[in-house]
Amino acid sequence: QLQLVESGGGWVQPGGSLRLSCAASGFISNVYAVGWFRQPPGREREAVICISSSERNTHYADSVRGRFTISRDNAKNTVYLQMNSLEPEDTAVYYCAAGQSCFNFDSWGQGTQVTVSS
C-alpha cells in the first residue's frame, strides 16, 4: 500500500479557491488511480473526483463539475485537486485515495480540513 499525505487545506471565503495536494510514498504513474473524497460535518464520506492511472478518464461528482479539477505530476508522485468557486457546502475533510481503479481504493490519506465561510 501507498502512504498518502494531503496538504493545502484551510479556510477560504465563498467564491475563493484552494489547491489540495496528495503526495504518495511511491511510484504512481500508470499504476494507480487517485481520487479525492470528502466528508462534510455530520455526513457520510462521498466521492468527489478521480483520475485513472492512465489519465485517460476523469470522474466527477455532479456537485463539483465545472469547479474542481484533478491533475497528476507523476514525476513528483503527487496529485492535485484544484477547487474554484468554492461554496459553503464544500466544507469538509478532504481525503485522497489510491487504488487499481476509480472504483477500487486501498490506500487512504489522513485528510485535510477545508472550510468555506464568510
PDB file of N, CA and C in Angstrom:
ATOM      1  N   GLN A   1       0.824  -1.191   0.000  1.00  0.00           N
ATOM      2  CA  GLN A   1       0.000   0.000   0.000  1.00  0.00           C
ATOM      3  C   GLN A   1       0.866   1.253   0.000  1.00  0.00           C
ATOM      4  N   LEU A   2       0.323   2.268  -0.655  1.00  0.00           N
ATOM      5  CA  LEU A   2       0.998   3.552  -0.643  1.00  0.00           C
ATOM      6  C   LEU A   2       0.697   4.306   0.647  1.00  0.00           C
ATOM      7  N   GLN A   3       1.617   5.167   1.025  1.00  0.00           N
ATOM      8  CA  GLN A   3       1.331   6.157   2.064  1.00  0.00           C
ATOM      9  C   GLN A   3       0.967   7.447   1.334  1.00  0.00           C
ATOM     10  N   LEU A   4      -0.136   8.054   1.748  1.00  0.00           N
ATOM     11  CA  LEU A   4      -0.615   9.273   1.101  1.00  0.00           C
ATOM     12  C   LEU A   4      -0.707  10.387   2.135  1.00  0.00           C
ATOM     13  N   VAL A   5      -0.242  11.571   1.771  1.00  0.00           N
ATOM     14  CA  VAL A   5      -0.288  12.712   2.680  1.00  0.00           C
ATOM     15  C   VAL A   5      -0.915  13.892   1.952  1.00  0.00           C
ATOM     16  N   GLU A   6      -2.041  14.369   2.492  1.00  0.00           N
ATOM     17  CA  GLU A   6      -2.713  15.530   1.916  1.00  0.00           C
ATOM     18  C   GLU A   6      -2.189  16.815   2.554  1.00  0.00           C
ATOM     19  N   SER A   7      -2.261  17.881   1.807  1.00  0.00           N
ATOM     20  CA  SER A   7      -1.920  19.207   2.330  1.00  0.00           C
ATOM     21  C   SER A   7      -2.670  20.248   1.518  1.00  0.00           C
ATOM     22  N   GLY A   8      -2.684  21.467   2.040  1.00  0.00           N
ATOM     23  CA  GLY A   8      -3.283  22.570   1.299  1.00  0.00           C
ATOM     24  C   GLY A   8      -4.651  23.002   1.784  1.00  0.00           C
ATOM     25  N   GLY A   9      -5.182  22.302   2.771  1.00  0.00           N
ATOM     26  CA  GLY A   9      -6.485  22.700   3.286  1.00  0.00           C
ATOM     27  C   GLY A   9      -6.407  24.001   4.071  1.00  0.00           C
ATOM     28  N   GLY A  10      -7.570  24.524   4.409  1.00  0.00           N
ATOM     29  CA  GLY A  10      -7.612  25.754   5.178  1.00  0.00           C
ATOM     30  C   GLY A  10      -8.958  26.410   5.073  1.00  0.00           C
ATOM     31  N   TRP A  11      -8.976  27.683   5.400  1.00  0.00           N
ATOM     32  CA  TRP A  11     -10.207  28.475   5.361  1.00  0.00           C
ATOM     33  C   TRP A  11     -10.187  29.380   4.143  1.00  0.00           C
ATOM     34  N   VAL A  12     -11.344  29.486   3.496  1.00  0.00           N
ATOM     35  CA  VAL A  12     -11.470  30.355   2.343  1.00  0.00           C
ATOM     36  C   VAL A  12     -12.883  30.915   2.316  1.00  0.00           C
ATOM     37  N   GLN A  13     -13.021  32.104   1.791  1.00  0.00           N
ATOM     38  CA  GLN A  13     -14.344  32.712   1.656  1.00  0.00           C
ATOM     39  C   GLN A  13     -15.087  32.125   0.464  1.00  0.00           C
ATOM     40  N   PRO A  14     -16.412  32.163   0.480  1.00  0.00           N
ATOM     41  CA  PRO A  14     -17.181  31.693  -0.680  1.00  0.00           C
ATOM     42  C   PRO A  14     -16.723  32.389  -1.956  1.00  0.00           C
ATOM     43  N   GLY A  15     -16.616  31.608  -3.017  1.00  0.00           N
ATOM     44  CA  GLY A  15     -16.119  32.122  -4.284  1.00  0.00           C
ATOM     45  C   GLY A  15     -14.621  32.009  -4.447  1.00  0.00           C
ATOM     46  N   GLY A  16     -13.932  31.664  -3.378  1.00  0.00           N
ATOM     47  CA  GLY A  16     -12.489  31.555  -3.429  1.00  0.00           C
ATOM     48  C   GLY A  16     -12.009  30.226  -3.973  1.00  0.00           C
ATOM     49  N   SER A  17     -10.700  30.059  -3.949  1.00  0.00           N
ATOM     50  CA  SER A  17     -10.063  28.861  -4.499  1.00  0.00           C
ATOM     51  C   SER A  17      -9.049  28.286  -3.515  1.00  0.00           C
ATOM     52  N   LEU A  18      -8.859  26.995  -3.616  1.00  0.00           N
ATOM     53  CA  LEU A  18      -7.810  26.293  -2.877  1.00  0.00           C
ATOM     54  C   LEU A  18      -7.269  25.192  -3.765  1.00  0.00           C
ATOM     55  N   ARG A  19      -6.018  24.839  -3.545  1.00  0.00           N
ATOM     56  CA  ARG A  19      -5.450  23.677  -4.223  1.00  0.00           C
ATOM     57  C   ARG A  19      -4.928  22.707  -3.171  1.00  0.00           C
ATOM     58  N   LEU A  20      -5.462  21.520  -3.213  1.00  0.00           N
ATOM     59  CA  LEU A  20      -5.007  20.455  -2.320  1.00  0.00           C
ATOM     60  C   LEU A  20      -3.974  19.595  -3.036  1.00  0.00           C
ATOM     61  N   SER A  21      -3.045  19.091  -2.263  1.00  0.00           N
ATOM     62  CA  SER A  21      -2.023  18.191  -2.790  1.00  0.00           C
ATOM     63  C   SER A  21      -2.107  16.844  -2.089  1.00  0.00           C
ATOM     64  N   CYS A  22      -1.799  15.817  -2.826  1.00  0.00           N
ATOM     65  CA  CYS A  22      -1.738  14.460  -2.269  1.00  0.00           C
ATOM     66  C   CYS A  22      -0.409  13.863  -2.705  1.00  0.00           C
ATOM     67  N   ALA A  23       0.512  13.745  -1.764  1.00  0.00           N
ATOM     68  CA  ALA A  23       1.835  13.212  -2.055  1.00  0.00           C
ATOM     69  C   ALA A  23       1.876  11.723  -1.724  1.00  0.00           C
ATOM     70  N   ALA A  24       2.291  10.931  -2.688  1.00  0.00           N
ATOM     71  CA  ALA A  24       2.359   9.477  -2.497  1.00  0.00           C
ATOM     72  C   ALA A  24       3.783   9.046  -2.176  1.00  0.00           C
ATOM     73  N   SER A  25       3.879   7.967  -1.400  1.00  0.00           N
ATOM     74  CA  SER A  25       5.199   7.481  -0.980  1.00  0.00           C
ATOM     75  C   SER A  25       5.908   6.691  -2.054  1.00  0.00           C
ATOM     76  N   GLY A  26       5.170   6.338  -3.132  1.00  0.00           N
ATOM     77  CA  GLY A  26       5.772   5.530  -4.167  1.00  0.00           C
ATOM     78  C   GLY A  26       5.348   5.959  -5.559  1.00  0.00           C
ATOM     79  N   PHE A  27       5.766   5.177  -6.520  1.00  0.00           N
ATOM     80  CA  PHE A  27       5.535   5.459  -7.927  1.00  0.00           C
ATOM     81  C   PHE A  27       4.067   5.242  -8.279  1.00  0.00           C
ATOM     82  N   ILE A  28       3.450   6.257  -8.903  1.00  0.00           N
ATOM     83  CA  ILE A  28       2.029   6.135  -9.211  1.00  0.00           C
ATOM     84  C   ILE A  28       1.721   6.160 -10.701  1.00  0.00           C
ATOM     85  N   SER A  29       2.645   6.582 -11.521  1.00  0.00           N
ATOM     86  CA  SER A  29       2.367   6.754 -12.944  1.00  0.00           C
ATOM     87  C   SER A  29       1.969   5.445 -13.582  1.00  0.00           C
ATOM     88  N   ASN A  30       0.798   5.456 -14.249  1.00  0.00           N
ATOM     89  CA  ASN A  30       0.271   4.295 -14.964  1.00  0.00           C
ATOM     90  C   ASN A  30       0.059   3.071 -14.083  1.00  0.00           C
ATOM     91  N   VAL A  31       0.051   3.281 -12.783  1.00  0.00           N
ATOM     92  CA  VAL A  31      -0.139   2.166 -11.844  1.00  0.00           C
ATOM     93  C   VAL A  31      -1.389   2.375 -11.001  1.00  0.00           C
ATOM     94  N   TYR A  32      -1.525   3.601 -10.456  1.00  0.00           N
ATOM     95  CA  TYR A  32      -2.609   3.846  -9.525  1.00  0.00           C
ATOM     96  C   TYR A  32      -3.588   4.897 -10.057  1.00  0.00           C
ATOM     97  N   ALA A  33      -4.859   4.611  -9.885  1.00  0.00           N
ATOM     98  CA  ALA A  33      -5.860   5.667  -9.972  1.00  0.00           C
ATOM     99  C   ALA A  33      -5.846   6.420  -8.645  1.00  0.00           C
ATOM    100  N   VAL A  34      -6.083   7.718  -8.711  1.00  0.00           N
ATOM    101  CA  VAL A  34      -6.090   8.521  -7.483  1.00  0.00           C
ATOM    102  C   VAL A  34      -7.365   9.348  -7.453  1.00  0.00           C
ATOM    103  N   GLY A  35      -8.008   9.320  -6.336  1.00  0.00           N
ATOM    104  CA  GLY A  35      -9.250  10.059  -6.186  1.00  0.00           C
ATOM    105  C   GLY A  35      -9.267  10.912  -4.941  1.00  0.00           C
ATOM    106  N   TRP A  36     -10.212  11.822  -4.921  1.00  0.00           N
ATOM    107  CA  TRP A  36     -10.468  12.651  -3.746  1.00  0.00           C
ATOM    108  C   TRP A  36     -11.878  12.376  -3.246  1.00  0.00           C
ATOM    109  N   PHE A  37     -11.975  12.255  -1.952  1.00  0.00           N
ATOM    110  CA  PHE A  37     -13.250  12.084  -1.276  1.00  0.00           C
ATOM    111  C   PHE A  37     -13.377  13.210  -0.253  1.00  0.00           C
ATOM    112  N   ARG A  38     -14.586  13.404   0.234  1.00  0.00           N
ATOM    113  CA  ARG A  38     -14.778  14.384   1.304  1.00  0.00           C
ATOM    114  C   ARG A  38     -15.860  13.913   2.248  1.00  0.00           C
ATOM    115  N   GLN A  39     -15.741  14.372   3.492  1.00  0.00           N
ATOM    116  CA  GLN A  39     -16.746  14.070   4.496  1.00  0.00           C
ATOM    117  C   GLN A  39     -17.187  15.370   5.146  1.00  0.00           C
ATOM    118  N   PRO A  40     -18.372  15.866   4.767  1.00  0.00           N
ATOM    119  CA  PRO A  40     -18.888  17.090   5.392  1.00  0.00           C
ATOM    120  C   PRO A  40     -19.266  16.832   6.841  1.00  0.00           C
ATOM    121  N   PRO A  41     -19.373  17.847   7.658  1.00  0.00           N
ATOM    122  CA  PRO A  41     -19.736  17.657   9.059  1.00  0.00           C
ATOM    123  C   PRO A  41     -21.065  16.930   9.197  1.00  0.00           C
ATOM    124  N   GLY A  42     -21.077  15.857   9.971  1.00  0.00           N
ATOM    125  CA  GLY A  42     -22.300  15.135  10.248  1.00  0.00           C
ATOM    126  C   GLY A  42     -22.823  14.289   9.099  1.00  0.00           C
ATOM    127  N   ARG A  43     -22.023  14.139   8.062  1.00  0.00           N
ATOM    128  CA  ARG A  43     -22.483  13.373   6.907  1.00  0.00           C
ATOM    129  C   ARG A  43     -21.485  12.285   6.553  1.00  0.00           C
ATOM    130  N   GLU A  44     -21.886  11.403   5.666  1.00  0.00           N
ATOM    131  CA  GLU A  44     -21.021  10.313   5.251  1.00  0.00           C
ATOM    132  C   GLU A  44     -20.004  10.801   4.206  1.00  0.00           C
ATOM    133  N   ARG A  45     -18.947  10.046   4.102  1.00  0.00           N
ATOM    134  CA  ARG A  45     -17.936  10.359   3.107  1.00  0.00           C
ATOM    135  C   ARG A  45     -18.501  10.167   1.702  1.00  0.00           C
ATOM    136  N   GLU A  46     -18.112  11.059   0.798  1.00  0.00           N
ATOM    137  CA  GLU A  46     -18.608  10.983  -0.575  1.00  0.00           C
ATOM    138  C   GLU A  46     -17.463  11.157  -1.556  1.00  0.00           C
ATOM    139  N   ALA A  47     -17.612  10.546  -2.711  1.00  0.00           N
ATOM    140  CA  ALA A  47     -16.603  10.678  -3.758  1.00  0.00           C
ATOM    141  C   ALA A  47     -16.734  12.041  -4.427  1.00  0.00           C
ATOM    142  N   VAL A  48     -15.596  12.619  -4.720  1.00  0.00           N
ATOM    143  CA  VAL A  48     -15.574  13.940  -5.349  1.00  0.00           C
ATOM    144  C   VAL A  48     -15.083  13.860  -6.790  1.00  0.00           C
ATOM    145  N   ILE A  49     -13.934  13.257  -6.972  1.00  0.00           N
ATOM    146  CA  ILE A  49     -13.306  13.269  -8.289  1.00  0.00           C
ATOM    147  C   ILE A  49     -12.227  12.203  -8.304  1.00  0.00           C
ATOM    148  N   CYS A  50     -11.945  11.666  -9.502  1.00  0.00           N
ATOM    149  CA  CYS A  50     -10.919  10.633  -9.604  1.00  0.00           C
ATOM    150  C   CYS A  50     -10.288  10.701 -10.988  1.00  0.00           C
ATOM    151  N   ILE A  51      -9.014  10.413 -11.035  1.00  0.00           N
ATOM    152  CA  ILE A  51      -8.309  10.326 -12.312  1.00  0.00           C
ATOM    153  C   ILE A  51      -7.708   8.936 -12.431  1.00  0.00           C
ATOM    154  N   SER A  52      -7.893   8.327 -13.586  1.00  0.00           N
ATOM    155  CA  SER A  52      -7.415   6.967 -13.780  1.00  0.00           C
ATOM    156  C   SER A  52      -5.891   6.929 -13.857  1.00  0.00           C
ATOM    157  N   SER A  53      -5.357   5.736 -13.746  1.00  0.00           N
ATOM    158  CA  SER A  53      -3.902   5.576 -13.768  1.00  0.00           C
ATOM    159  C   SER A  53      -3.300   6.048 -15.087  1.00  0.00           C
ATOM    160  N   SER A  54      -4.035   5.851 -16.167  1.00  0.00           N
ATOM    161  CA  SER A  54      -3.548   6.257 -17.480  1.00  0.00           C
ATOM    162  C   SER A  54      -3.807   7.728 -17.774  1.00  0.00           C
ATOM    163  N   GLU A  55      -4.587   8.377 -16.896  1.00  0.00           N
ATOM    164  CA  GLU A  55      -5.029   9.761 -17.062  1.00  0.00           C
ATOM    165  C   GLU A  55      -6.012   9.934 -18.212  1.00  0.00           C
ATOM    166  N   ARG A  56      -6.498   8.837 -18.774  1.00  0.00           N
ATOM    167  CA  ARG A  56      -7.440   8.941 -19.885  1.00  0.00           C
ATOM    168  C   ARG A  56      -8.858   9.252 -19.405  1.00  0.00           C
ATOM    169  N   ASN A  57      -9.152   8.902 -18.167  1.00  0.00           N
ATOM    170  CA  ASN A  57     -10.516   9.070 -17.672  1.00  0.00           C
ATOM    171  C   ASN A  57     -10.515   9.856 -16.368  1.00  0.00           C
ATOM    172  N   THR A  58     -11.462  10.753 -16.264  1.00  0.00           N
ATOM    173  CA  THR A  58     -11.678  11.502 -15.035  1.00  0.00           C
ATOM    174  C   THR A  58     -13.158  11.420 -14.684  1.00  0.00           C
ATOM    175  N   HIS A  59     -13.432  11.157 -13.436  1.00  0.00           N
ATOM    176  CA  HIS A  59     -14.807  11.018 -12.969  1.00  0.00           C
ATOM    177  C   HIS A  59     -15.091  12.139 -11.971  1.00  0.00           C
ATOM    178  N   TYR A  60     -16.221  12.793 -12.139  1.00  0.00           N
ATOM    179  CA  TYR A  60     -16.585  13.920 -11.286  1.00  0.00           C
ATOM    180  C   TYR A  60     -17.922  13.668 -10.601  1.00  0.00           C
ATOM    181  N   ALA A  61     -18.052  14.125  -9.383  1.00  0.00           N
ATOM    182  CA  ALA A  61     -19.371  14.241  -8.787  1.00  0.00           C
ATOM    183  C   ALA A  61     -20.076  15.433  -9.425  1.00  0.00           C
ATOM    184  N   ASP A  62     -21.388  15.340  -9.608  1.00  0.00           N
ATOM    185  CA  ASP A  62     -22.126  16.423 -10.263  1.00  0.00           C
ATOM    186  C   ASP A  62     -21.970  17.745  -9.513  1.00  0.00           C
ATOM    187  N   SER A  63     -21.829  17.658  -8.216  1.00  0.00           N
ATOM    188  CA  SER A  63     -21.778  18.876  -7.398  1.00  0.00           C
ATOM    189  C   SER A  63     -20.503  19.688  -7.617  1.00  0.00           C
ATOM    190  N   VAL A  64     -19.466  19.080  -8.191  1.00  0.00           N
ATOM    191  CA  VAL A  64     -18.204  19.800  -8.356  1.00  0.00           C
ATOM    192  C   VAL A  64     -17.829  19.988  -9.821  1.00  0.00           C
ATOM    193  N   ARG A  65     -18.604  19.407 -10.701  1.00  0.00           N
ATOM    194  CA  ARG A  65     -18.282  19.509 -12.141  1.00  0.00           C
ATOM    195  C   ARG A  65     -18.243  20.977 -12.560  1.00  0.00           C
ATOM    196  N   GLY A  66     -17.184  21.319 -13.268  1.00  0.00           N
ATOM    197  CA  GLY A  66     -17.014  22.694 -13.712  1.00  0.00           C
ATOM    198  C   GLY A  66     -16.308  23.591 -12.707  1.00  0.00           C
ATOM    199  N   ARG A  67     -16.159  23.109 -11.489  1.00  0.00           N
ATOM    200  CA  ARG A  67     -15.494  23.916 -10.450  1.00  0.00           C
ATOM    201  C   ARG A  67     -14.187  23.273  -9.970  1.00  0.00           C
ATOM    202  N   PHE A  68     -14.148  21.961  -9.900  1.00  0.00           N
ATOM    203  CA  PHE A  68     -12.979  21.234  -9.402  1.00  0.00           C
ATOM    204  C   PHE A  68     -12.292  20.531 -10.563  1.00  0.00           C
ATOM    205  N   THR A  69     -10.983  20.505 -10.526  1.00  0.00           N
ATOM    206  CA  THR A  69     -10.213  19.724 -11.488  1.00  0.00           C
ATOM    207  C   THR A  69      -9.125  18.944 -10.750  1.00  0.00           C
ATOM    208  N   ILE A  70      -8.765  17.821 -11.333  1.00  0.00           N
ATOM    209  CA  ILE A  70      -7.727  16.968 -10.763  1.00  0.00           C
ATOM    210  C   ILE A  70      -6.603  16.843 -11.767  1.00  0.00           C
ATOM    211  N   SER A  71      -5.401  16.825 -11.260  1.00  0.00           N
ATOM    212  CA  SER A  71      -4.250  16.665 -12.142  1.00  0.00           C
ATOM    213  C   SER A  71      -3.173  15.867 -11.431  1.00  0.00           C
ATOM    214  N   ARG A  72      -2.278  15.316 -12.218  1.00  0.00           N
ATOM    215  CA  ARG A  72      -1.207  14.489 -11.663  1.00  0.00           C
ATOM    216  C   ARG A  72       0.140  15.048 -12.093  1.00  0.00           C
ATOM    217  N   ASP A  73       1.095  15.027 -11.202  1.00  0.00           N
ATOM    218  CA  ASP A  73       2.503  15.261 -11.545  1.00  0.00           C
ATOM    219  C   ASP A  73       3.215  13.966 -11.205  1.00  0.00           C
ATOM    220  N   ASN A  74       3.319  13.091 -12.184  1.00  0.00           N
ATOM    221  CA  ASN A  74       3.856  11.764 -11.913  1.00  0.00           C
ATOM    222  C   ASN A  74       5.335  11.815 -11.514  1.00  0.00           C
ATOM    223  N   ALA A  75       6.039  12.814 -11.976  1.00  0.00           N
ATOM    224  CA  ALA A  75       7.453  12.935 -11.601  1.00  0.00           C
ATOM    225  C   ALA A  75       7.600  13.181 -10.105  1.00  0.00           C
ATOM    226  N   LYS A  76       6.595  13.817  -9.508  1.00  0.00           N
ATOM    227  CA  LYS A  76       6.613  14.089  -8.073  1.00  0.00           C
ATOM    228  C   LYS A  76       5.727  13.130  -7.291  1.00  0.00           C
ATOM    229  N   ASN A  77       5.115  12.176  -7.981  1.00  0.00           N
ATOM    230  CA  ASN A  77       4.174  11.256  -7.324  1.00  0.00           C
ATOM    231  C   ASN A  77       3.127  12.027  -6.527  1.00  0.00           C
ATOM    232  N   THR A  78       2.614  13.067  -7.125  1.00  0.00           N
ATOM    233  CA  THR A  78       1.672  13.950  -6.444  1.00  0.00           C
ATOM    234  C   THR A  78       0.459  14.194  -7.330  1.00  0.00           C
ATOM    235  N   VAL A  79      -0.695  14.238  -6.694  1.00  0.00           N
ATOM    236  CA  VAL A  79      -1.951  14.546  -7.370  1.00  0.00           C
ATOM    237  C   VAL A  79      -2.528  15.794  -6.716  1.00  0.00           C
ATOM    238  N   TYR A  80      -3.092  16.653  -7.542  1.00  0.00           N
ATOM    239  CA  TYR A  80      -3.622  17.925  -7.076  1.00  0.00           C
ATOM    240  C   TYR A  80      -5.130  17.988  -7.290  1.00  0.00           C
ATOM    241  N   LEU A  81      -5.783  18.676  -6.389  1.00  0.00           N
ATOM    242  CA  LEU A  81      -7.200  18.984  -6.533  1.00  0.00           C
ATOM    243  C   LEU A  81      -7.328  20.500  -6.512  1.00  0.00           C
ATOM    244  N   GLN A  82      -7.635  21.061  -7.664  1.00  0.00           N
ATOM    245  CA  GLN A  82      -7.854  22.495  -7.771  1.00  0.00           C
ATOM    246  C   GLN A  82      -9.343  22.763  -7.572  1.00  0.00           C
ATOM    247  N   MET A  83      -9.658  23.556  -6.577  1.00  0.00           N
ATOM    248  CA  MET A  83     -11.054  23.838  -6.241  1.00  0.00           C
ATOM    249  C   MET A  83     -11.313  25.330  -6.429  1.00  0.00           C
ATOM    250  N   ASN A  84     -12.207  25.638  -7.343  1.00  0.00           N
ATOM    251  CA  ASN A  84     -12.568  27.023  -7.635  1.00  0.00           C
ATOM    252  C   ASN A  84     -14.033  27.262  -7.296  1.00  0.00           C
ATOM    253  N   SER A  85     -14.398  28.520  -7.203  1.00  0.00           N
ATOM    254  CA  SER A  85     -15.788  28.902  -6.920  1.00  0.00           C
ATOM    255  C   SER A  85     -16.326  28.129  -5.726  1.00  0.00           C
ATOM    256  N   LEU A  86     -15.563  28.083  -4.673  1.00  0.00           N
ATOM    257  CA  LEU A  86     -15.942  27.297  -3.508  1.00  0.00           C
ATOM    258  C   LEU A  86     -17.201  27.834  -2.851  1.00  0.00           C
ATOM    259  N   GLU A  87     -17.979  26.915  -2.343  1.00  0.00           N
ATOM    260  CA  GLU A  87     -19.254  27.205  -1.689  1.00  0.00           C
ATOM    261  C   GLU A  87     -19.214  26.685  -0.265  1.00  0.00           C
ATOM    262  N   PRO A  88     -20.032  27.233   0.618  1.00  0.00           N
ATOM    263  CA  PRO A  88     -20.058  26.711   1.990  1.00  0.00           C
ATOM    264  C   PRO A  88     -20.334  25.205   2.042  1.00  0.00           C
ATOM    265  N   GLU A  89     -21.092  24.713   1.053  1.00  0.00           N
ATOM    266  CA  GLU A  89     -21.395  23.277   1.017  1.00  0.00           C
ATOM    267  C   GLU A  89     -20.171  22.418   0.716  1.00  0.00           C
ATOM    268  N   ASP A  90     -19.089  23.032   0.304  1.00  0.00           N
ATOM    269  CA  ASP A  90     -17.853  22.297   0.058  1.00  0.00           C
ATOM    270  C   ASP A  90     -17.046  22.082   1.336  1.00  0.00           C
ATOM    271  N   THR A  91     -17.491  22.655   2.430  1.00  0.00           N
ATOM    272  CA  THR A  91     -16.800  22.470   3.702  1.00  0.00           C
ATOM    273  C   THR A  91     -16.802  21.000   4.092  1.00  0.00           C
ATOM    274  N   ALA A  92     -15.620  20.458   4.335  1.00  0.00           N
ATOM    275  CA  ALA A  92     -15.496  19.028   4.633  1.00  0.00           C
ATOM    276  C   ALA A  92     -14.043  18.715   4.942  1.00  0.00           C
ATOM    277  N   VAL A  93     -13.830  17.509   5.447  1.00  0.00           N
ATOM    278  CA  VAL A  93     -12.483  16.940   5.470  1.00  0.00           C
ATOM    279  C   VAL A  93     -12.284  16.232   4.137  1.00  0.00           C
ATOM    280  N   TYR A  94     -11.206  16.568   3.461  1.00  0.00           N
ATOM    281  CA  TYR A  94     -10.925  16.008   2.149  1.00  0.00           C
ATOM    282  C   TYR A  94      -9.827  14.949   2.270  1.00  0.00           C
ATOM    283  N   TYR A  95     -10.071  13.814   1.660  1.00  0.00           N
ATOM    284  CA  TYR A  95      -9.157  12.689   1.694  1.00  0.00           C
ATOM    285  C   TYR A  95      -8.742  12.316   0.277  1.00  0.00           C
ATOM    286  N   CYS A  96      -7.496  11.963   0.096  1.00  0.00           N
ATOM    287  CA  CYS A  96      -7.127  11.354  -1.168  1.00  0.00           C
ATOM    288  C   CYS A  96      -6.982   9.846  -0.965  1.00  0.00           C
ATOM    289  N   ALA A  97      -7.166   9.124  -2.061  1.00  0.00           N
ATOM    290  CA  ALA A  97      -7.114   7.671  -2.031  1.00  0.00           C
ATOM    291  C   ALA A  97      -6.498   7.175  -3.326  1.00  0.00           C
ATOM    292  N   ALA A  98      -5.869   6.020  -3.260  1.00  0.00           N
ATOM    293  CA  ALA A  98      -5.251   5.424  -4.436  1.00  0.00           C
ATOM    294  C   ALA A  98      -5.644   3.967  -4.538  1.00  0.00           C
ATOM    295  N   GLY A  99      -5.723   3.482  -5.765  1.00  0.00           N
ATOM    296  CA  GLY A  99      -6.082   2.086  -5.970  1.00  0.00           C
ATOM    297  C   GLY A  99      -5.910   1.679  -7.415  1.00  0.00           C
ATOM    298  N   GLN A 100      -6.381   0.482  -7.708  1.00  0.00           N
ATOM    299  CA  GLN A 100      -6.220  -0.069  -9.052  1.00  0.00           C
ATOM    300  C   GLN A 100      -7.152   0.588 -10.061  1.00  0.00           C
ATOM    301  N   SER A 101      -8.236   1.170  -9.593  1.00  0.00           N
ATOM    302  CA  SER A 101      -9.153   1.867 -10.482  1.00  0.00           C
ATOM    303  C   SER A 101      -9.910   2.904  -9.677  1.00  0.00           C
ATOM    304  N   CYS A 102     -10.698   3.698 -10.375  1.00  0.00           N
ATOM    305  CA  CYS A 102     -11.509   4.713  -9.678  1.00  0.00           C
ATOM    306  C   CYS A 102     -12.694   4.110  -8.930  1.00  0.00           C
ATOM    307  N   PHE A 103     -12.772   2.803  -8.907  1.00  0.00           N
ATOM    308  CA  PHE A 103     -13.851   2.142  -8.182  1.00  0.00           C
ATOM    309  C   PHE A 103     -13.305   1.159  -7.145  1.00  0.00           C
ATOM    310  N   ASN A 104     -12.007   1.218  -6.916  1.00  0.00           N
ATOM    311  CA  ASN A 104     -11.377   0.273  -6.007  1.00  0.00           C
ATOM    312  C   ASN A 104     -10.143   0.917  -5.387  1.00  0.00           C
ATOM    313  N   PHE A 105     -10.292   1.429  -4.175  1.00  0.00           N
ATOM    314  CA  PHE A 105      -9.198   2.122  -3.493  1.00  0.00           C
ATOM    315  C   PHE A 105      -8.743   1.304  -2.295  1.00  0.00           C
ATOM    316  N   ASP A 106      -7.428   1.256  -2.080  1.00  0.00           N
ATOM    317  CA  ASP A 106      -6.930   0.534  -0.924  1.00  0.00           C
ATOM    318  C   ASP A 106      -5.906   1.316  -0.097  1.00  0.00           C
ATOM    319  N   SER A 107      -5.625   2.535  -0.493  1.00  0.00           N
ATOM    320  CA  SER A 107      -4.724   3.384   0.284  1.00  0.00           C
ATOM    321  C   SER A 107      -5.413   4.721   0.501  1.00  0.00           C
ATOM    322  N   TRP A 108      -5.316   5.230   1.728  1.00  0.00           N
ATOM    323  CA  TRP A 108      -6.017   6.455   2.080  1.00  0.00           C
ATOM    324  C   TRP A 108      -5.077   7.385   2.844  1.00  0.00           C
ATOM    325  N   GLY A 109      -5.271   8.685   2.632  1.00  0.00           N
ATOM    326  CA  GLY A 109      -4.563   9.671   3.420  1.00  0.00           C
ATOM    327  C   GLY A 109      -5.303   9.968   4.716  1.00  0.00           C
ATOM    328  N   GLN A 110      -4.729  10.861   5.504  1.00  0.00           N
ATOM    329  CA  GLN A 110      -5.290  11.168   6.816  1.00  0.00           C
ATOM    330  C   GLN A 110      -6.317  12.286   6.766  1.00  0.00           C
ATOM    331  N   GLY A 111      -6.397  12.990   5.664  1.00  0.00           N
ATOM    332  CA  GLY A 111      -7.400  14.029   5.491  1.00  0.00           C
ATOM    333  C   GLY A 111      -6.879  15.421   5.774  1.00  0.00           C
ATOM    334  N   THR A 112      -7.501  16.406   5.131  1.00  0.00           N
ATOM    335  CA  THR A 112      -7.184  17.811   5.372  1.00  0.00           C
ATOM    336  C   THR A 112      -8.492  18.597   5.378  1.00  0.00           C
ATOM    337  N   GLN A 113      -8.611  19.509   6.325  1.00  0.00           N
ATOM    338  CA  GLN A 113      -9.859  20.241   6.505  1.00  0.00           C
ATOM    339  C   GLN A 113      -9.943  21.417   5.541  1.00  0.00           C
ATOM    340  N   VAL A 114     -11.092  21.539   4.902  1.00  0.00           N
ATOM    341  CA  VAL A 114     -11.403  22.698   4.073  1.00  0.00           C
ATOM    342  C   VAL A 114     -12.662  23.343   4.644  1.00  0.00           C
ATOM    343  N   THR A 115     -12.570  24.619   4.946  1.00  0.00           N
ATOM    344  CA  THR A 115     -13.702  25.359   5.488  1.00  0.00           C
ATOM    345  C   THR A 115     -13.986  26.553   4.590  1.00  0.00           C
ATOM    346  N   VAL A 116     -15.222  26.638   4.120  1.00  0.00           N
ATOM    347  CA  VAL A 116     -15.643  27.734   3.254  1.00  0.00           C
ATOM    348  C   VAL A 116     -16.710  28.527   3.994  1.00  0.00           C
ATOM    349  N   SER A 117     -16.371  29.721   4.385  1.00  0.00           N
ATOM    350  CA  SER A 117     -17.331  30.545   5.115  1.00  0.00           C
ATOM    351  C   SER A 117     -16.923  32.002   5.004  1.00  0.00           C
ATOM    352  N   SER A 118     -17.877  32.856   5.273  1.00  0.00           N
ATOM    353  CA  SER A 118     -17.605  34.287   5.254  1.00  0.00           C
ATOM    354  C   SER A 118     -17.408  34.814   6.675  1.00  0.00           C
TER     355      SER A 118
END
